[in-house]
PDB file of N, CA and C in Angstrom:
ATOM      1  N   MET A   1       1.642  29.369  -5.634  1.00  0.00           N
ATOM      2  CA  MET A   1       0.884  28.127  -5.475  1.00  0.00           C
ATOM      3  C   MET A   1      -0.045  28.228  -3.954  1.00  0.00           C
ATOM      4  N   ALA A   2      -0.746  27.358  -3.895  1.00  0.00           N
ATOM      5  CA  ALA A   2      -1.754  27.431  -2.772  1.00  0.00           C
ATOM      6  C   ALA A   2      -1.073  27.107  -1.568  1.00  0.00           C
ATOM      7  N   ASP A   3      -1.922  27.728  -0.560  1.00  0.00           N
ATOM      8  CA  ASP A   3      -1.359  27.402   0.698  1.00  0.00           C
ATOM      9  C   ASP A   3      -1.580  26.056   1.158  1.00  0.00           C
ATOM     10  N   HIS A   4      -2.352  25.060   0.508  1.00  0.00           N
ATOM     11  CA  HIS A   4      -2.831  23.810   0.866  1.00  0.00           C
ATOM     12  C   HIS A   4      -1.595  23.143   0.208  1.00  0.00           C
ATOM     13  N   ASN A   5      -1.011  23.313  -1.236  1.00  0.00           N
ATOM     14  CA  ASN A   5       0.393  22.805  -1.797  1.00  0.00           C
ATOM     15  C   ASN A   5       1.369  23.077  -0.763  1.00  0.00           C
ATOM     16  N   LEU A   6       1.445  24.243  -0.313  1.00  0.00           N
ATOM     17  CA  LEU A   6       2.518  24.465   0.359  1.00  0.00           C
ATOM     18  C   LEU A   6       2.985  23.852   1.699  1.00  0.00           C
ATOM     19  N   LEU A   7       1.737  23.889   2.546  1.00  0.00           N
ATOM     20  CA  LEU A   7       1.798  22.855   3.691  1.00  0.00           C
ATOM     21  C   LEU A   7       2.215  21.429   3.186  1.00  0.00           C
ATOM     22  N   GLY A   8       1.647  20.836   2.346  1.00  0.00           N
ATOM     23  CA  GLY A   8       1.846  19.760   1.907  1.00  0.00           C
ATOM     24  C   GLY A   8       3.219  19.308   1.455  1.00  0.00           C
ATOM     25  N   GLU A   9       3.985  20.265   1.047  1.00  0.00           N
ATOM     26  CA  GLU A   9       5.197  20.327   0.663  1.00  0.00           C
ATOM     27  C   GLU A   9       6.018  20.169   2.138  1.00  0.00           C
ATOM     28  N   LYS A  10       5.771  21.533   3.011  1.00  0.00           N
ATOM     29  CA  LYS A  10       6.576  21.178   4.223  1.00  0.00           C
ATOM     30  C   LYS A  10       6.429  19.913   4.588  1.00  0.00           C
ATOM     31  N   GLY A  11       5.271  19.208   4.764  1.00  0.00           N
ATOM     32  CA  GLY A  11       5.043  18.033   5.152  1.00  0.00           C
ATOM     33  C   GLY A  11       5.640  16.671   5.009  1.00  0.00           C
ATOM     34  N   GLU A  12       5.988  17.033   3.466  1.00  0.00           N
ATOM     35  CA  GLU A  12       6.677  15.874   2.896  1.00  0.00           C
ATOM     36  C   GLU A  12       8.351  16.311   3.078  1.00  0.00           C
ATOM     37  N   THR A  13       8.692  17.324   3.546  1.00  0.00           N
ATOM     38  CA  THR A  13       9.827  17.843   3.787  1.00  0.00           C
ATOM     39  C   THR A  13      10.097  17.090   4.906  1.00  0.00           C
ATOM     40  N   LEU A  14       9.390  17.456   5.865  1.00  0.00           N
ATOM     41  CA  LEU A  14       9.377  17.006   7.606  1.00  0.00           C
ATOM     42  C   LEU A  14       9.631  15.417   7.628  1.00  0.00           C
ATOM     43  N   ALA A  15       8.365  15.012   6.727  1.00  0.00           N
ATOM     44  CA  ALA A  15       8.533  12.926   6.816  1.00  0.00           C
ATOM     45  C   ALA A  15       9.985  12.550   6.167  1.00  0.00           C
ATOM     46  N   VAL A  16      10.703  13.370   5.281  1.00  0.00           N
ATOM     47  CA  VAL A  16      11.904  12.950   4.968  1.00  0.00           C
ATOM     48  C   VAL A  16      12.857  12.833   6.034  1.00  0.00           C
ATOM     49  N   GLN A  17      12.894  14.160   6.797  1.00  0.00           N
ATOM     50  CA  GLN A  17      13.890  14.071   7.640  1.00  0.00           C
ATOM     51  C   GLN A  17      13.610  13.171   8.661  1.00  0.00           C
ATOM     52  N   LEU A  18      12.456  13.016   9.119  1.00  0.00           N
ATOM     53  CA  LEU A  18      12.108  12.192  10.412  1.00  0.00           C
ATOM     54  C   LEU A  18      12.600  10.853   9.823  1.00  0.00           C
ATOM     55  N   LEU A  19      12.231  10.576   8.533  1.00  0.00           N
ATOM     56  CA  LEU A  19      12.774   8.890   8.358  1.00  0.00           C
ATOM     57  C   LEU A  19      14.318   8.944   8.413  1.00  0.00           C
ATOM     58  N   ARG A  20      14.657   9.924   7.608  1.00  0.00           N
ATOM     59  CA  ARG A  20      16.407   9.814   7.508  1.00  0.00           C
ATOM     60  C   ARG A  20      17.088   9.822   9.174  1.00  0.00           C
ATOM     61  N   GLN A  21      16.605  10.579  10.026  1.00  0.00           N
ATOM     62  CA  GLN A  21      16.617  10.357  11.573  1.00  0.00           C
ATOM     63  C   GLN A  21      16.570   9.200  12.067  1.00  0.00           C
ATOM     64  N   LYS A  22      15.635   8.431  11.609  1.00  0.00           N
ATOM     65  CA  LYS A  22      15.605   6.994  11.794  1.00  0.00           C
ATOM     66  C   LYS A  22      16.321   6.046  11.231  1.00  0.00           C
ATOM     67  N   GLY A  23      16.897   6.343  10.481  1.00  0.00           N
ATOM     68  CA  GLY A  23      17.902   5.593   9.923  1.00  0.00           C
ATOM     69  C   GLY A  23      17.454   4.998   8.251  1.00  0.00           C
ATOM     70  N   TYR A  24      16.472   5.331   7.505  1.00  0.00           N
ATOM     71  CA  TYR A  24      16.178   5.120   6.525  1.00  0.00           C
ATOM     72  C   TYR A  24      16.753   5.787   5.341  1.00  0.00           C
ATOM     73  N   SER A  25      17.005   5.010   4.186  1.00  0.00           N
ATOM     74  CA  SER A  25      17.564   5.627   3.021  1.00  0.00           C
ATOM     75  C   SER A  25      16.371   5.806   2.183  1.00  0.00           C
ATOM     76  N   ILE A  26      16.379   7.315   1.575  1.00  0.00           N
ATOM     77  CA  ILE A  26      15.317   7.831   0.764  1.00  0.00           C
ATOM     78  C   ILE A  26      15.864   7.146  -0.675  1.00  0.00           C
ATOM     79  N   LEU A  27      14.976   6.349  -1.491  1.00  0.00           N
ATOM     80  CA  LEU A  27      15.071   6.481  -2.760  1.00  0.00           C
ATOM     81  C   LEU A  27      14.692   7.093  -3.848  1.00  0.00           C
ATOM     82  N   ALA A  28      13.067   7.862  -3.627  1.00  0.00           N
ATOM     83  CA  ALA A  28      12.466   8.755  -4.070  1.00  0.00           C
ATOM     84  C   ALA A  28      11.333   9.674  -3.529  1.00  0.00           C
ATOM     85  N   GLU A  29      11.016  10.623  -4.028  1.00  0.00           N
ATOM     86  CA  GLU A  29      10.102  11.445  -3.303  1.00  0.00           C
ATOM     87  C   GLU A  29       9.068  11.620  -4.690  1.00  0.00           C
ATOM     88  N   ASN A  30       7.677  11.979  -4.601  1.00  0.00           N
ATOM     89  CA  ASN A  30       6.838  11.872  -5.451  1.00  0.00           C
ATOM     90  C   ASN A  30       7.070  11.075  -6.546  1.00  0.00           C
ATOM     91  N   TRP A  31       7.130   9.931  -6.626  1.00  0.00           N
ATOM     92  CA  TRP A  31       7.201   9.203  -7.549  1.00  0.00           C
ATOM     93  C   TRP A  31       5.753   8.827  -7.978  1.00  0.00           C
ATOM     94  N   ARG A  32       5.846   8.704  -9.473  1.00  0.00           N
ATOM     95  CA  ARG A  32       4.469   8.824 -10.261  1.00  0.00           C
ATOM     96  C   ARG A  32       4.643   7.543 -11.112  1.00  0.00           C
ATOM     97  N   HIS A  33       3.438   6.856 -11.183  1.00  0.00           N
ATOM     98  CA  HIS A  33       3.280   5.803 -12.040  1.00  0.00           C
ATOM     99  C   HIS A  33       1.930   5.780 -12.755  1.00  0.00           C
ATOM    100  N   GLY A  34       1.878   6.679 -14.156  1.00  0.00           N
ATOM    101  CA  GLY A  34       0.231   7.131 -14.413  1.00  0.00           C
ATOM    102  C   GLY A  34      -0.199   8.241 -13.614  1.00  0.00           C
ATOM    103  N   ARG A  35      -1.282   7.905 -13.176  1.00  0.00           N
ATOM    104  CA  ARG A  35      -2.036   8.846 -12.257  1.00  0.00           C
ATOM    105  C   ARG A  35      -1.641   8.611 -10.879  1.00  0.00           C
ATOM    106  N   ASN A  36      -0.979   7.442 -10.496  1.00  0.00           N
ATOM    107  CA  ASN A  36      -0.620   7.306  -9.145  1.00  0.00           C
ATOM    108  C   ASN A  36       0.468   7.972  -8.545  1.00  0.00           C
ATOM    109  N   GLU A  37       0.524   8.052  -7.644  1.00  0.00           N
ATOM    110  CA  GLU A  37       1.852   9.022  -6.832  1.00  0.00           C
ATOM    111  C   GLU A  37       2.209   8.251  -5.460  1.00  0.00           C
ATOM    112  N   ILE A  38       3.497   8.079  -5.239  1.00  0.00           N
ATOM    113  CA  ILE A  38       3.665   7.663  -3.657  1.00  0.00           C
ATOM    114  C   ILE A  38       5.067   8.613  -3.360  1.00  0.00           C
ATOM    115  N   ASP A  39       4.284   9.263  -2.272  1.00  0.00           N
ATOM    116  CA  ASP A  39       5.099  10.495  -1.610  1.00  0.00           C
ATOM    117  C   ASP A  39       6.623  10.334  -1.291  1.00  0.00           C
ATOM    118  N   ILE A  40       6.918   9.185  -0.682  1.00  0.00           N
ATOM    119  CA  ILE A  40       7.937   8.677  -0.215  1.00  0.00           C
ATOM    120  C   ILE A  40       8.429   7.218  -0.417  1.00  0.00           C
ATOM    121  N   ILE A  41       9.279   6.641  -1.215  1.00  0.00           N
ATOM    122  CA  ILE A  41       9.741   5.648  -1.360  1.00  0.00           C
ATOM    123  C   ILE A  41      11.283   5.240  -0.470  1.00  0.00           C
ATOM    124  N   ALA A  42      11.239   4.197   0.753  1.00  0.00           N
ATOM    125  CA  ALA A  42      12.606   4.362   1.453  1.00  0.00           C
ATOM    126  C   ALA A  42      12.999   2.719   1.584  1.00  0.00           C
ATOM    127  N   THR A  43      14.163   2.898   2.290  1.00  0.00           N
ATOM    128  CA  THR A  43      14.211   1.355   2.512  1.00  0.00           C
ATOM    129  C   THR A  43      15.049   1.503   3.957  1.00  0.00           C
ATOM    130  N   ILE A  44      14.631   0.453   4.628  1.00  0.00           N
ATOM    131  CA  ILE A  44      15.301   0.217   6.028  1.00  0.00           C
ATOM    132  C   ILE A  44      15.632  -1.407   6.175  1.00  0.00           C
ATOM    133  N   GLY A  45      16.761  -1.332   6.497  1.00  0.00           N
ATOM    134  CA  GLY A  45      17.515  -3.048   6.726  1.00  0.00           C
ATOM    135  C   GLY A  45      16.728  -3.418   5.381  1.00  0.00           C
ATOM    136  N   THR A  46      16.140  -4.635   5.237  1.00  0.00           N
ATOM    137  CA  THR A  46      15.958  -5.171   3.784  1.00  0.00           C
ATOM    138  C   THR A  46      14.726  -4.824   3.562  1.00  0.00           C
ATOM    139  N   THR A  47      14.001  -4.151   3.930  1.00  0.00           N
ATOM    140  CA  THR A  47      12.835  -3.560   3.750  1.00  0.00           C
ATOM    141  C   THR A  47      12.394  -2.637   2.740  1.00  0.00           C
ATOM    142  N   ILE A  48      11.601  -2.527   1.763  1.00  0.00           N
ATOM    143  CA  ILE A  48      11.215  -1.137   1.265  1.00  0.00           C
ATOM    144  C   ILE A  48      10.026  -0.934   1.548  1.00  0.00           C
ATOM    145  N   VAL A  49      10.005   0.513   1.765  1.00  0.00           N
ATOM    146  CA  VAL A  49       8.854   1.024   2.359  1.00  0.00           C
ATOM    147  C   VAL A  49       8.118   2.198   1.552  1.00  0.00           C
ATOM    148  N   PHE A  50       6.777   2.237   1.352  1.00  0.00           N
ATOM    149  CA  PHE A  50       5.865   3.019   0.618  1.00  0.00           C
ATOM    150  C   PHE A  50       5.371   3.980   1.433  1.00  0.00           C
ATOM    151  N   VAL A  51       5.546   5.220   1.662  1.00  0.00           N
ATOM    152  CA  VAL A  51       4.971   6.153   2.319  1.00  0.00           C
ATOM    153  C   VAL A  51       4.391   7.192   1.875  1.00  0.00           C
ATOM    154  N   GLU A  52       2.965   6.957   2.567  1.00  0.00           N
ATOM    155  CA  GLU A  52       2.011   8.366   2.302  1.00  0.00           C
ATOM    156  C   GLU A  52       2.240   9.372   3.322  1.00  0.00           C
ATOM    157  N   VAL A  53       2.221  10.829   2.983  1.00  0.00           N
ATOM    158  CA  VAL A  53       2.118  11.706   4.099  1.00  0.00           C
ATOM    159  C   VAL A  53       0.947  12.571   3.781  1.00  0.00           C
ATOM    160  N   LYS A  54       0.145  12.734   5.220  1.00  0.00           N
ATOM    161  CA  LYS A  54      -0.854  13.413   5.072  1.00  0.00           C
ATOM    162  C   LYS A  54      -0.628  14.413   6.058  1.00  0.00           C
ATOM    163  N   THR A  55      -0.809  15.555   5.809  1.00  0.00           N
ATOM    164  CA  THR A  55      -0.398  16.824   6.631  1.00  0.00           C
ATOM    165  C   THR A  55      -1.884  18.023   6.383  1.00  0.00           C
ATOM    166  N   ARG A  56      -2.145  18.210   7.699  1.00  0.00           N
ATOM    167  CA  ARG A  56      -3.200  19.118   7.970  1.00  0.00           C
ATOM    168  C   ARG A  56      -2.785  20.433   8.641  1.00  0.00           C
ATOM    169  N   SER A  57      -3.435  21.539   8.794  1.00  0.00           N
ATOM    170  CA  SER A  57      -3.152  22.634   9.939  1.00  0.00           C
ATOM    171  C   SER A  57      -3.501  22.551  11.211  1.00  0.00           C
ATOM    172  N   THR A  58      -4.884  21.478  11.020  1.00  0.00           N
ATOM    173  CA  THR A  58      -5.484  21.290  12.434  1.00  0.00           C
ATOM    174  C   THR A  58      -5.716  19.926  12.541  1.00  0.00           C
ATOM    175  N   ASP A  59      -6.212  19.065  13.490  1.00  0.00           N
ATOM    176  CA  ASP A  59      -6.750  17.910  13.747  1.00  0.00           C
ATOM    177  C   ASP A  59      -8.102  18.309  13.761  1.00  0.00           C
ATOM    178  N   TYR A  60      -8.711  19.219  13.699  1.00  0.00           N
ATOM    179  CA  TYR A  60      -9.936  19.313  13.744  1.00  0.00           C
ATOM    180  C   TYR A  60     -10.903  18.220  12.989  1.00  0.00           C
ATOM    181  N   PHE A  61     -11.148  17.581  12.224  1.00  0.00           N
ATOM    182  CA  PHE A  61     -11.374  16.658  11.639  1.00  0.00           C
ATOM    183  C   PHE A  61     -10.958  15.446  11.794  1.00  0.00           C
ATOM    184  N   GLY A  62     -10.238  15.405  12.667  1.00  0.00           N
ATOM    185  CA  GLY A  62      -9.543  13.752  12.888  1.00  0.00           C
ATOM    186  C   GLY A  62      -8.070  13.678  12.537  1.00  0.00           C
ATOM    187  N   ASP A  63      -7.532  12.625  12.688  1.00  0.00           N
ATOM    188  CA  ASP A  63      -5.953  12.739  12.500  1.00  0.00           C
ATOM    189  C   ASP A  63      -5.832  12.991  11.051  1.00  0.00           C
ATOM    190  N   PRO A  64      -5.214  13.187  10.663  1.00  0.00           N
ATOM    191  CA  PRO A  64      -4.497  13.072   9.174  1.00  0.00           C
ATOM    192  C   PRO A  64      -4.398  12.082   8.487  1.00  0.00           C
ATOM    193  N   ALA A  65      -3.962  10.948   9.254  1.00  0.00           N
ATOM    194  CA  ALA A  65      -4.050   9.506   8.451  1.00  0.00           C
ATOM    195  C   ALA A  65      -5.234   8.808   8.203  1.00  0.00           C
ATOM    196  N   LEU A  66      -6.175   9.351   8.766  1.00  0.00           N
ATOM    197  CA  LEU A  66      -7.654   8.922   8.445  1.00  0.00           C
ATOM    198  C   LEU A  66      -8.193   9.162   6.937  1.00  0.00           C
ATOM    199  N   ALA A  67      -7.630  10.209   6.470  1.00  0.00           N
ATOM    200  CA  ALA A  67      -7.674  10.673   4.987  1.00  0.00           C
ATOM    201  C   ALA A  67      -7.322   9.794   3.935  1.00  0.00           C
ATOM    202  N   VAL A  68      -5.957   8.655   4.546  1.00  0.00           N
ATOM    203  CA  VAL A  68      -5.820   7.390   3.415  1.00  0.00           C
ATOM    204  C   VAL A  68      -7.350   6.594   3.685  1.00  0.00           C
ATOM    205  N   SER A  69      -7.594   6.751   2.463  1.00  0.00           N
ATOM    206  CA  SER A  69      -8.887   5.910   2.013  1.00  0.00           C
ATOM    207  C   SER A  69      -8.871   4.845   1.265  1.00  0.00           C
ATOM    208  N   LYS A  70      -9.573   3.607   1.118  1.00  0.00           N
ATOM    209  CA  LYS A  70      -9.482   2.566   0.957  1.00  0.00           C
ATOM    210  C   LYS A  70      -8.706   2.634  -0.535  1.00  0.00           C
ATOM    211  N   ALA A  71      -9.463   3.353  -1.587  1.00  0.00           N
ATOM    212  CA  ALA A  71      -9.190   4.005  -2.779  1.00  0.00           C
ATOM    213  C   ALA A  71      -7.877   4.488  -2.977  1.00  0.00           C
ATOM    214  N   LYS A  72      -7.378   5.140  -2.024  1.00  0.00           N
ATOM    215  CA  LYS A  72      -6.243   5.751  -2.060  1.00  0.00           C
ATOM    216  C   LYS A  72      -5.154   4.564  -1.528  1.00  0.00           C
ATOM    217  N   GLN A  73      -5.362   3.921  -0.620  1.00  0.00           N
ATOM    218  CA  GLN A  73      -4.552   2.533  -0.248  1.00  0.00           C
ATOM    219  C   GLN A  73      -4.226   1.843  -1.646  1.00  0.00           C
ATOM    220  N   GLN A  74      -5.301   1.423  -2.371  1.00  0.00           N
ATOM    221  CA  GLN A  74      -5.302   0.593  -3.445  1.00  0.00           C
ATOM    222  C   GLN A  74      -4.508   1.382  -4.620  1.00  0.00           C
ATOM    223  N   ARG A  75      -4.744   2.518  -4.759  1.00  0.00           N
ATOM    224  CA  ARG A  75      -3.567   3.369  -6.119  1.00  0.00           C
ATOM    225  C   ARG A  75      -2.304   3.277  -5.422  1.00  0.00           C
ATOM    226  N   THR A  76      -1.788   3.515  -4.367  1.00  0.00           N
ATOM    227  CA  THR A  76      -0.502   3.825  -3.799  1.00  0.00           C
ATOM    228  C   THR A  76      -0.071   1.748  -3.692  1.00  0.00           C
ATOM    229  N   ILE A  77      -0.944   0.792  -3.591  1.00  0.00           N
ATOM    230  CA  ILE A  77      -0.498  -0.294  -3.854  1.00  0.00           C
ATOM    231  C   ILE A  77       0.072  -0.545  -5.422  1.00  0.00           C
ATOM    232  N   ARG A  78      -1.080  -0.220  -6.126  1.00  0.00           N
ATOM    233  CA  ARG A  78      -0.694  -0.686  -7.927  1.00  0.00           C
ATOM    234  C   ARG A  78       0.808   0.236  -7.892  1.00  0.00           C
ATOM    235  N   ALA A  79       0.574   1.255  -7.240  1.00  0.00           N
ATOM    236  CA  ALA A  79       1.953   2.288  -7.759  1.00  0.00           C
ATOM    237  C   ALA A  79       3.291   1.625  -7.442  1.00  0.00           C
ATOM    238  N   ALA A  80       3.176   1.265  -6.283  1.00  0.00           N
ATOM    239  CA  ALA A  80       4.081   0.138  -5.400  1.00  0.00           C
ATOM    240  C   ALA A  80       4.622  -1.124  -6.246  1.00  0.00           C
ATOM    241  N   ASN A  81       3.493  -1.627  -6.528  1.00  0.00           N
ATOM    242  CA  ASN A  81       3.826  -2.915  -7.751  1.00  0.00           C
ATOM    243  C   ASN A  81       4.651  -2.317  -8.731  1.00  0.00           C
ATOM    244  N   ALA A  82       4.249  -1.419  -9.572  1.00  0.00           N
ATOM    245  CA  ALA A  82       4.781  -1.091 -10.792  1.00  0.00           C
ATOM    246  C   ALA A  82       6.040  -0.392 -10.297  1.00  0.00           C
ATOM    247  N   TYR A  83       6.592   0.455  -9.534  1.00  0.00           N
ATOM    248  CA  TYR A  83       7.845   0.809  -8.576  1.00  0.00           C
ATOM    249  C   TYR A  83       8.530  -0.744  -8.691  1.00  0.00           C
ATOM    250  N   MET A  84       8.282  -1.961  -8.345  1.00  0.00           N
ATOM    251  CA  MET A  84       9.293  -2.718  -7.827  1.00  0.00           C
ATOM    252  C   MET A  84       9.087  -3.654  -8.923  1.00  0.00           C
ATOM    253  N   ASP A  85       8.261  -3.605 -10.104  1.00  0.00           N
ATOM    254  CA  ASP A  85       8.381  -4.531 -11.172  1.00  0.00           C
ATOM    255  C   ASP A  85       9.723  -3.666 -11.880  1.00  0.00           C
ATOM    256  N   GLU A  86       9.598  -2.117 -12.233  1.00  0.00           N
ATOM    257  CA  GLU A  86      10.208  -1.270 -12.917  1.00  0.00           C
ATOM    258  C   GLU A  86      11.748  -1.403 -12.510  1.00  0.00           C
ATOM    259  N   ASN A  87      11.792  -1.467 -11.328  1.00  0.00           N
ATOM    260  CA  ASN A  87      13.421  -1.825 -10.608  1.00  0.00           C
ATOM    261  C   ASN A  87      13.773  -2.808 -10.191  1.00  0.00           C
ATOM    262  N   ASN A  88      12.784  -4.292 -10.688  1.00  0.00           N
ATOM    263  CA  ASN A  88      13.032  -5.690 -10.275  1.00  0.00           C
ATOM    264  C   ASN A  88      13.552  -5.824  -8.789  1.00  0.00           C
ATOM    265  N   THR A  89      12.502  -5.131  -8.052  1.00  0.00           N
ATOM    266  CA  THR A  89      12.923  -5.618  -6.490  1.00  0.00           C
ATOM    267  C   THR A  89      11.881  -6.611  -5.753  1.00  0.00           C
ATOM    268  N   GLN A  90      12.664  -7.095  -5.386  1.00  0.00           N
ATOM    269  CA  GLN A  90      12.129  -8.463  -4.732  1.00  0.00           C
ATOM    270  C   GLN A  90      12.166  -8.936  -3.216  1.00  0.00           C
ATOM    271  N   ILE A  91      12.213  -7.336  -2.664  1.00  0.00           N
ATOM    272  CA  ILE A  91      12.399  -7.497  -1.058  1.00  0.00           C
ATOM    273  C   ILE A  91      10.842  -7.477  -0.509  1.00  0.00           C
ATOM    274  N   GLU A  92      10.945  -7.802   0.770  1.00  0.00           N
ATOM    275  CA  GLU A  92       9.671  -7.158   1.301  1.00  0.00           C
ATOM    276  C   GLU A  92       9.405  -5.893   1.611  1.00  0.00           C
ATOM    277  N   ALA A  93       7.945  -5.884   1.299  1.00  0.00           N
ATOM    278  CA  ALA A  93       7.810  -4.286   1.079  1.00  0.00           C
ATOM    279  C   ALA A  93       6.436  -3.919   2.673  1.00  0.00           C
ATOM    280  N   ARG A  94       6.562  -2.939   2.723  1.00  0.00           N
ATOM    281  CA  ARG A  94       5.602  -2.401   3.924  1.00  0.00           C
ATOM    282  C   ARG A  94       4.746  -0.937   3.434  1.00  0.00           C
ATOM    283  N   PHE A  95       3.764  -0.412   3.651  1.00  0.00           N
ATOM    284  CA  PHE A  95       3.181   0.332   3.796  1.00  0.00           C
ATOM    285  C   PHE A  95       3.088   1.311   4.882  1.00  0.00           C
ATOM    286  N   ASP A  96       3.763   2.716   4.995  1.00  0.00           N
ATOM    287  CA  ASP A  96       3.603   3.361   6.184  1.00  0.00           C
ATOM    288  C   ASP A  96       2.931   4.736   5.811  1.00  0.00           C
ATOM    289  N   VAL A  97       2.145   5.431   6.616  1.00  0.00           N
ATOM    290  CA  VAL A  97       1.478   6.708   6.680  1.00  0.00           C
ATOM    291  C   VAL A  97       2.214   7.537   7.936  1.00  0.00           C
ATOM    292  N   ILE A  98       2.799   8.969   7.310  1.00  0.00           N
ATOM    293  CA  ILE A  98       3.276   9.915   8.253  1.00  0.00           C
ATOM    294  C   ILE A  98       2.208  10.477   8.502  1.00  0.00           C
ATOM    295  N   SER A  99       1.370  10.985   9.982  1.00  0.00           N
ATOM    296  CA  SER A  99       0.649  12.383   9.776  1.00  0.00           C
ATOM    297  C   SER A  99       1.125  13.286  10.350  1.00  0.00           C
ATOM    298  N   ILE A 100       0.942  14.586  10.074  1.00  0.00           N
ATOM    299  CA  ILE A 100       1.464  15.618  10.391  1.00  0.00           C
ATOM    300  C   ILE A 100       0.591  16.884  10.622  1.00  0.00           C
ATOM    301  N   VAL A 101       0.352  17.566  11.522  1.00  0.00           N
ATOM    302  CA  VAL A 101      -0.457  18.445  11.986  1.00  0.00           C
ATOM    303  C   VAL A 101       0.309  19.916  12.256  1.00  0.00           C
ATOM    304  N   SER A 102       0.111  20.663  11.752  1.00  0.00           N
ATOM    305  CA  SER A 102       1.214  21.765  11.624  1.00  0.00           C
ATOM    306  C   SER A 102       0.383  23.093  11.438  1.00  0.00           C
ATOM    307  N   ASP A 103       0.446  23.735  12.783  1.00  0.00           N
ATOM    308  CA  ASP A 103      -0.466  24.797  12.713  1.00  0.00           C
ATOM    309  C   ASP A 103       0.153  26.253  12.919  1.00  0.00           C
ATOM    310  N   GLY A 104       1.667  26.227  12.639  1.00  0.00           N
ATOM    311  CA  GLY A 104       2.253  27.431  12.514  1.00  0.00           C
ATOM    312  C   GLY A 104       3.028  27.900  13.775  1.00  0.00           C
ATOM    313  N   ARG A 105       2.802  27.174  14.719  1.00  0.00           N
ATOM    314  CA  ARG A 105       3.104  27.479  16.006  1.00  0.00           C
ATOM    315  C   ARG A 105       3.795  26.207  16.445  1.00  0.00           C
ATOM    316  N   SER A 106       3.208  24.987  16.068  1.00  0.00           N
ATOM    317  CA  SER A 106       3.494  23.773  16.592  1.00  0.00           C
ATOM    318  C   SER A 106       3.572  22.419  15.709  1.00  0.00           C
ATOM    319  N   THR A 107       4.399  21.741  15.603  1.00  0.00           N
ATOM    320  CA  THR A 107       4.184  20.611  14.553  1.00  0.00           C
ATOM    321  C   THR A 107       3.932  19.323  15.193  1.00  0.00           C
ATOM    322  N   ARG A 108       3.390  18.359  14.971  1.00  0.00           N
ATOM    323  CA  ARG A 108       3.527  17.043  15.318  1.00  0.00           C
ATOM    324  C   ARG A 108       3.281  16.145  14.411  1.00  0.00           C
ATOM    325  N   LEU A 109       4.073  15.105  14.435  1.00  0.00           N
ATOM    326  CA  LEU A 109       4.650  14.105  13.321  1.00  0.00           C
ATOM    327  C   LEU A 109       4.272  12.819  13.962  1.00  0.00           C
ATOM    328  N   GLN A 110       3.821  11.748  13.314  1.00  0.00           N
ATOM    329  CA  GLN A 110       3.256  10.322  13.934  1.00  0.00           C
ATOM    330  C   GLN A 110       3.411   9.735  12.513  1.00  0.00           C
ATOM    331  N   HIS A 111       4.441   8.543  13.010  1.00  0.00           N
ATOM    332  CA  HIS A 111       4.836   7.767  11.705  1.00  0.00           C
ATOM    333  C   HIS A 111       3.942   6.357  12.311  1.00  0.00           C
ATOM    334  N   LEU A 112       3.186   5.897  11.287  1.00  0.00           N
ATOM    335  CA  LEU A 112       2.609   4.487  11.241  1.00  0.00           C
ATOM    336  C   LEU A 112       3.028   3.543  10.455  1.00  0.00           C
ATOM    337  N   GLU A 113       3.856   2.489  11.353  1.00  0.00           N
ATOM    338  CA  GLU A 113       4.147   1.483  10.150  1.00  0.00           C
ATOM    339  C   GLU A 113       3.428   0.468  10.269  1.00  0.00           C
ATOM    340  N   ASP A 114       3.269  -0.243   8.924  1.00  0.00           N
ATOM    341  CA  ASP A 114       2.609  -0.953   8.503  1.00  0.00           C
ATOM    342  C   ASP A 114       1.067  -0.420   8.747  1.00  0.00           C
ATOM    343  N   ALA A 115       0.862   0.697   8.198  1.00  0.00           N
ATOM    344  CA  ALA A 115      -0.459   1.413   8.524  1.00  0.00           C
ATOM    345  C   ALA A 115      -1.784   0.728   7.542  1.00  0.00           C
ATOM    346  N   PHE A 116      -1.056  -0.235   6.529  1.00  0.00           N
ATOM    347  CA  PHE A 116      -2.267  -0.885   5.703  1.00  0.00           C
ATOM    348  C   PHE A 116      -1.633  -2.071   5.127  1.00  0.00           C
ATOM    349  N   TYR A 117      -2.272  -2.700   4.942  1.00  0.00           N
ATOM    350  CA  TYR A 117      -1.595  -4.229   3.579  1.00  0.00           C
ATOM    351  C   TYR A 117      -2.040  -4.239   2.429  1.00  0.00           C
ATOM    352  N   PRO A 118      -1.389  -4.834   1.379  1.00  0.00           N
ATOM    353  CA  PRO A 118      -1.325  -5.063   0.261  1.00  0.00           C
ATOM    354  C   PRO A 118      -2.995  -5.990  -0.066  1.00  0.00           C
ATOM    355  N   LEU A 119      -3.203  -6.592   0.923  1.00  0.00           N
ATOM    356  CA  LEU A 119      -4.557  -7.269   0.920  1.00  0.00           C
ATOM    357  C   LEU A 119      -5.859  -6.430   0.989  1.00  0.00           C
ATOM    358  N   ALA A 120      -5.577  -5.524   1.638  1.00  0.00           N
ATOM    359  CA  ALA A 120      -6.696  -4.653   1.949  1.00  0.00           C
ATOM    360  C   ALA A 120      -7.764  -4.020   0.769  1.00  0.00           C
TER     361      ALA A 120
END
């Protein structure tokens, strides 16, 4: 497996741990609908949260969260709608991003709640 794939898997594992520590319940990881994928689907209280995880080995090119483009947001929203339809879910939804920079010596996680909105 390529190094960047291993870094991504490590980041998603760290993101799940962070969410659990914050009291979230994890419903799914790497949930797919067609070609669209949601990294983590979780709940907190009465809200379902669709989480995009961006992991980089450096922040040289800026915060990893900046890599969540409008196109990625739209694909995530489409997948979230499909998940909610398939699971007959009608609770409030939110889209978060967890940004991770891990260079092998230190790791920095940032959880951005309401990072983008379905109308974006």
